[in-house]
Amino acid sequence: MTFDQNDFRQSLGSFATGVTIVTGRNRGGDPVGATVSSFNSVSLDPPLILFSLDYKSETLEPLKETGRCIVNVLSERQEQLSNNFAKSGAVSWEGVDFETWDSGCPVLPGALANFECSVFATYPGGDHLIFVGQVERYETSGGGRPLLFYGGRYGRLAD
């Protein structure tokens, strides 16, 4: 069977996802990050999550090299931040507030949850690399609504 990539992408868009920004540092210590909607839990024991990055992502090599990252689960108020990190090419961190935890990776305040991870495993997945992260620390904001992506655009939860 032959797949039309645009049609296939549209079909995949019928599944609503949350939006995250995966952040890390390159070997020079500069922050890196990318908007990612392919995120989910894997295991409670040990605590594992997964996400995938396009092989063309400028964030991919730094995460492979350092083996550390933060997955920031975005709130509906962080749509502009998501757009900034969704651009191809170098992401500007100018004006982006962040803090750091033990890994030194950027933690985005205002996110609904933040997961600090070491890379547990990677697997090839077509044009993406699948990362499994072992969660070493996490925080949950305790409130707010998630930023959602559905049908090629952002969405909001209804009451």
Foldseek 3Di string as FASTA:
>chain_A
DDDDVVVVVLVVLQDKFFKKKKWDAAPVGHIAIAIFRAKDWDDVVQTKIKTKDFPQAPVVVRCVVLQKIKIFGAFQVCVVVNVQRHDGDGGDCVPQDFDDDPRSITDHPRGQKMFIFGFPDWDDDVRIIMTMTGGPDMDGPPDGWTWMGHSHDTDGDDD
